[in-house]
Protein backbone atom coordinates (compact mmCIF):
# COMPACT_ATOMS: atom_id res chain seq x y z
CA MET A 1 9.26 -9.31 9.38
CA LYS A 2 6.18 -7.42 10.51
CA PHE A 3 3.06 -7.94 8.38
CA VAL A 4 0.66 -4.98 8.03
CA PHE A 5 -2.70 -3.95 6.59
CA VAL A 6 -2.55 -0.36 5.25
CA ILE A 7 -5.35 1.99 4.20
CA TRP A 8 -4.05 4.79 2.00
CA GLU A 9 -5.23 7.46 -0.42
CA ASP A 10 -4.08 7.67 -4.03
CA ALA A 11 -4.66 10.06 -6.91
CA PHE A 12 -7.36 9.29 -9.47
CA SER A 13 -6.37 9.56 -13.11
CA ALA A 14 -8.52 9.23 -16.23
CA ASP A 15 -7.20 8.88 -19.76
CA PHE A 16 -10.51 9.02 -21.59
CA TRP A 17 -12.95 11.73 -22.67
CA MET A 18 -15.76 12.55 -20.26
CA PRO A 19 -18.11 15.44 -19.68
CA LYS A 20 -16.85 18.06 -17.24
CA SER A 21 -19.96 17.46 -15.10
CA GLY A 22 -18.91 13.80 -14.66
CA ALA A 23 -15.38 14.78 -13.65
CA GLU A 24 -16.67 17.09 -10.91
CA ASP A 25 -17.91 14.05 -8.93
CA LEU A 26 -14.56 12.21 -8.97
CA SER A 27 -12.23 12.12 -5.98
CA PRO A 28 -8.99 10.43 -4.88
CA LEU A 29 -9.22 6.66 -4.29
CA MET A 30 -8.95 4.84 -0.97
CA ASN A 31 -6.81 1.70 -1.25
CA LYS A 32 -6.14 -1.27 0.99
CA SER A 33 -2.82 -3.11 0.81
CA VAL A 34 -1.08 -5.81 2.83
CA GLY A 35 2.58 -6.66 3.01
CA PHE A 36 5.77 -7.30 4.93
CA VAL A 37 7.38 -4.11 6.29
CA VAL A 38 10.71 -3.42 4.60
CA LYS A 39 11.21 0.10 5.98
CA ASP A 40 9.13 2.41 8.14
CA ASN A 41 10.27 5.95 8.92
CA GLU A 42 8.67 9.36 9.43
CA ASN A 43 8.39 9.98 5.66
CA PHE A 44 7.35 6.68 4.10
CA LEU A 45 6.38 3.05 4.60
CA SER A 46 7.77 0.34 2.28
CA ILE A 47 5.99 -3.01 2.14
CA ALA A 48 6.72 -6.09 0.04
CA GLN A 49 4.10 -8.60 -1.04
CA THR A 50 6.63 -11.44 -1.07
CA TYR A 51 9.91 -12.31 0.60
CA ASN A 52 11.88 -15.54 0.68
CA ASP A 53 14.34 -17.47 2.86
CA SER A 54 17.27 -15.80 1.03
CA ASP A 55 16.10 -12.39 2.30
CA HIS A 56 14.96 -11.25 -1.16
CA ILE A 57 11.74 -9.26 -1.66
CA ASN A 58 9.30 -8.79 -4.54
CA ASN A 59 6.37 -6.49 -5.39
CA LEU A 60 7.55 -3.48 -3.38
CA LEU A 61 5.14 -0.63 -2.57
CA VAL A 62 6.55 2.62 -1.15
CA LEU A 63 3.86 4.83 0.37
CA PRO A 64 4.36 8.44 1.50
CA LYS A 65 3.22 8.73 5.13
CA ARG A 66 1.05 11.74 4.24
CA SER A 67 -1.14 9.45 2.10
CA ILE A 68 -1.62 6.76 4.79
CA TYR A 69 -4.80 6.75 6.89
CA SER A 70 -4.02 3.70 9.02
CA ILE A 71 -1.46 0.94 9.54
CA GLN A 72 -2.58 -2.17 11.39
CA GLU A 73 -0.07 -4.85 12.34
CA GLN A 74 -1.37 -8.37 11.67
CA GLU A 75 -0.47 -11.65 13.36
CA LEU A 76 0.84 -14.36 11.03
CA SER A 77 1.85 -17.90 11.80
CA TRP A 78 2.94 -20.63 9.44
CA LYS A 79 5.09 -23.71 9.39
CA SER A 80 8.15 -23.85 7.16
CA ARG A 81 8.73 -27.02 5.21
C-alpha cells in the first residue's frame, strides 16, 4: 500500500460562548495527516492509519479532494517478523 502525508483544510467549529469580535478572527484549520492509501479518485482520498496482514484496516479518514492542499507519497521500509 502507498503511504502518504496529506495537508488538508477543515472547518472550525466552536461550541462555547465568545464575543463576536473574537469570532471574526477565526478561520478554517489546516491539518496534517499520514496514512496508507485505501482509495484515491477524482473526488476523494481515503487513508487508513493501520492495516494488518489479513488485509483489514483501522482508523479510516475520507477526505474530499477539494479540501486537500497537497499529497506527498512517502517511502517506508520495514522487516516483517
